[in-house]
Amino acid sequence: MTEKQTKPSSLLPYTTIEAAASGDVDAINAVLKHYERYIAAIATRTLYDENGGPHLCIDEAMRRRLETKLITRILKFDVSRIA
């Protein structure tokens, strides 16, 4: 995948960011959905089968850690610094 394919293509609305920073679960889920493909691309690992053939797989533990880190940063985000 190229960098252009993995990065989110559009910006999130300010109201969504503001709601997510204040703890709105639906807004946090919208942010996670927005970054879902990017996180999956970062968490993709090459695994090899018994014959040495490579297979791309998403490391689920890494994906969950990245999602958790994103949620943590969302909740710590100070919207007033931007507005």
C-alpha atoms as a PDB file:
ATOM      1  CA  MET A   1       0.000   0.000   0.000  1.00  0.00           C
ATOM      2  CA  THR A   2       1.177   3.472  -0.697  1.00  0.00           C
ATOM      3  CA  GLU A   3       1.090   6.268   1.836  1.00  0.00           C
ATOM      4  CA  LYS A   4      -1.756   7.919  -0.078  1.00  0.00           C
ATOM      5  CA  GLN A   5      -3.924   4.795   0.246  1.00  0.00           C
ATOM      6  CA  THR A   6      -3.442   4.361   3.987  1.00  0.00           C
ATOM      7  CA  LYS A   7      -3.914   7.898   5.263  1.00  0.00           C
ATOM      8  CA  PRO A   8      -7.438   9.167   5.941  1.00  0.00           C
ATOM      9  CA  SER A   9      -8.687  11.065   2.910  1.00  0.00           C
ATOM     10  CA  SER A  10     -10.716  13.769   4.614  1.00  0.00           C
ATOM     11  CA  LEU A  11     -10.709  15.730   7.819  1.00  0.00           C
ATOM     12  CA  LEU A  12     -13.030  15.012  10.691  1.00  0.00           C
ATOM     13  CA  PRO A  13     -15.571  17.740  11.455  1.00  0.00           C
ATOM     14  CA  TYR A  14     -14.595  19.995  14.354  1.00  0.00           C
ATOM     15  CA  THR A  15     -17.842  19.141  16.164  1.00  0.00           C
ATOM     16  CA  THR A  16     -16.928  15.444  16.090  1.00  0.00           C
ATOM     17  CA  ILE A  17     -13.471  16.152  17.500  1.00  0.00           C
ATOM     18  CA  GLU A  18     -14.929  18.390  20.192  1.00  0.00           C
ATOM     19  CA  ALA A  19     -17.536  15.791  21.163  1.00  0.00           C
ATOM     20  CA  ALA A  20     -14.943  12.997  21.222  1.00  0.00           C
ATOM     21  CA  ALA A  21     -12.609  15.054  23.431  1.00  0.00           C
ATOM     22  CA  SER A  22     -15.458  15.575  25.877  1.00  0.00           C
ATOM     23  CA  GLY A  23     -16.062  11.800  26.096  1.00  0.00           C
ATOM     24  CA  ASP A  24     -18.975  11.227  23.695  1.00  0.00           C
ATOM     25  CA  VAL A  25     -18.794   7.502  22.888  1.00  0.00           C
ATOM     26  CA  ASP A  26     -20.411   7.871  19.442  1.00  0.00           C
ATOM     27  CA  ALA A  27     -17.919  10.585  18.486  1.00  0.00           C
ATOM     28  CA  ILE A  28     -14.977   8.491  19.712  1.00  0.00           C
ATOM     29  CA  ASN A  29     -16.259   5.598  17.611  1.00  0.00           C
ATOM     30  CA  ALA A  30     -16.508   7.952  14.613  1.00  0.00           C
ATOM     31  CA  VAL A  31     -12.859   8.938  15.084  1.00  0.00           C
ATOM     32  CA  LEU A  32     -11.842   5.268  15.373  1.00  0.00           C
ATOM     33  CA  LYS A  33     -13.816   4.457  12.223  1.00  0.00           C
ATOM     34  CA  HIS A  34     -12.123   7.357  10.421  1.00  0.00           C
ATOM     35  CA  TYR A  35      -8.666   5.999  11.251  1.00  0.00           C
ATOM     36  CA  GLU A  36      -9.579   2.291  10.946  1.00  0.00           C
ATOM     37  CA  ARG A  37      -7.774   1.634   7.635  1.00  0.00           C
ATOM     38  CA  TYR A  38      -4.703   3.621   8.670  1.00  0.00           C
ATOM     39  CA  ILE A  39      -4.413   1.689  11.947  1.00  0.00           C
ATOM     40  CA  ALA A  40      -4.854  -1.619  10.096  1.00  0.00           C
ATOM     41  CA  ALA A  41      -2.069  -0.654   7.682  1.00  0.00           C
ATOM     42  CA  ILE A  42       0.286   0.187  10.542  1.00  0.00           C
ATOM     43  CA  ALA A  43      -0.568  -3.077  12.345  1.00  0.00           C
ATOM     44  CA  THR A  44      -0.007  -5.269   9.265  1.00  0.00           C
ATOM     45  CA  ARG A  45       2.796  -7.797   9.654  1.00  0.00           C
ATOM     46  CA  THR A  46       4.307 -10.358   7.312  1.00  0.00           C
ATOM     47  CA  LEU A  47       4.026 -13.898   8.649  1.00  0.00           C
ATOM     48  CA  TYR A  48       5.529 -16.975   7.016  1.00  0.00           C
ATOM     49  CA  ASP A  49       3.877 -20.380   6.690  1.00  0.00           C
ATOM     50  CA  GLU A  50       5.636 -23.728   7.132  1.00  0.00           C
ATOM     51  CA  ASN A  51       6.849 -23.619   3.505  1.00  0.00           C
ATOM     52  CA  GLY A  52       8.331 -20.152   3.909  1.00  0.00           C
ATOM     53  CA  GLY A  53       5.560 -18.413   1.973  1.00  0.00           C
ATOM     54  CA  PRO A  54       4.841 -14.855   3.160  1.00  0.00           C
ATOM     55  CA  HIS A  55       1.328 -13.812   4.241  1.00  0.00           C
ATOM     56  CA  LEU A  56       0.196 -10.340   5.280  1.00  0.00           C
ATOM     57  CA  CYS A  57      -1.830 -10.399   8.488  1.00  0.00           C
ATOM     58  CA  ILE A  58      -3.108  -7.743  10.850  1.00  0.00           C
ATOM     59  CA  ASP A  59      -1.521  -8.065  14.278  1.00  0.00           C
ATOM     60  CA  GLU A  60      -4.673  -7.799  16.401  1.00  0.00           C
ATOM     61  CA  ALA A  61      -2.774  -7.018  19.605  1.00  0.00           C
ATOM     62  CA  MET A  62      -0.976  -4.138  17.879  1.00  0.00           C
ATOM     63  CA  ARG A  63      -4.246  -2.895  16.360  1.00  0.00           C
ATOM     64  CA  ARG A  64      -5.915  -2.862  19.774  1.00  0.00           C
ATOM     65  CA  ARG A  65      -2.924  -1.071  21.340  1.00  0.00           C
ATOM     66  CA  LEU A  66      -3.042   1.601  18.635  1.00  0.00           C
ATOM     67  CA  GLU A  67      -6.792   2.055  19.110  1.00  0.00           C
ATOM     68  CA  THR A  68      -6.359   2.309  22.881  1.00  0.00           C
ATOM     69  CA  LYS A  69      -3.582   4.866  22.468  1.00  0.00           C
ATOM     70  CA  LEU A  70      -5.777   6.899  20.093  1.00  0.00           C
ATOM     71  CA  ILE A  71      -8.699   6.845  22.553  1.00  0.00           C
ATOM     72  CA  THR A  72      -6.381   7.917  25.386  1.00  0.00           C
ATOM     73  CA  ARG A  73      -5.039  10.842  23.340  1.00  0.00           C
ATOM     74  CA  ILE A  74      -8.550  11.856  22.273  1.00  0.00           C
ATOM     75  CA  LEU A  75      -9.681  12.079  25.884  1.00  0.00           C
ATOM     76  CA  LYS A  76      -6.585  14.120  26.850  1.00  0.00           C
ATOM     77  CA  PHE A  77      -6.954  16.446  23.868  1.00  0.00           C
ATOM     78  CA  ASP A  78      -7.511  20.117  24.822  1.00  0.00           C
ATOM     79  CA  VAL A  79      -9.952  21.543  22.260  1.00  0.00           C
ATOM     80  CA  SER A  80      -9.718  25.029  23.741  1.00  0.00           C
ATOM     81  CA  ARG A  81      -6.117  25.349  22.538  1.00  0.00           C
ATOM     82  CA  ILE A  82      -7.318  25.155  18.924  1.00  0.00           C
ATOM     83  CA  ALA A  83     -10.498  27.193  19.061  1.00  0.00           C
END
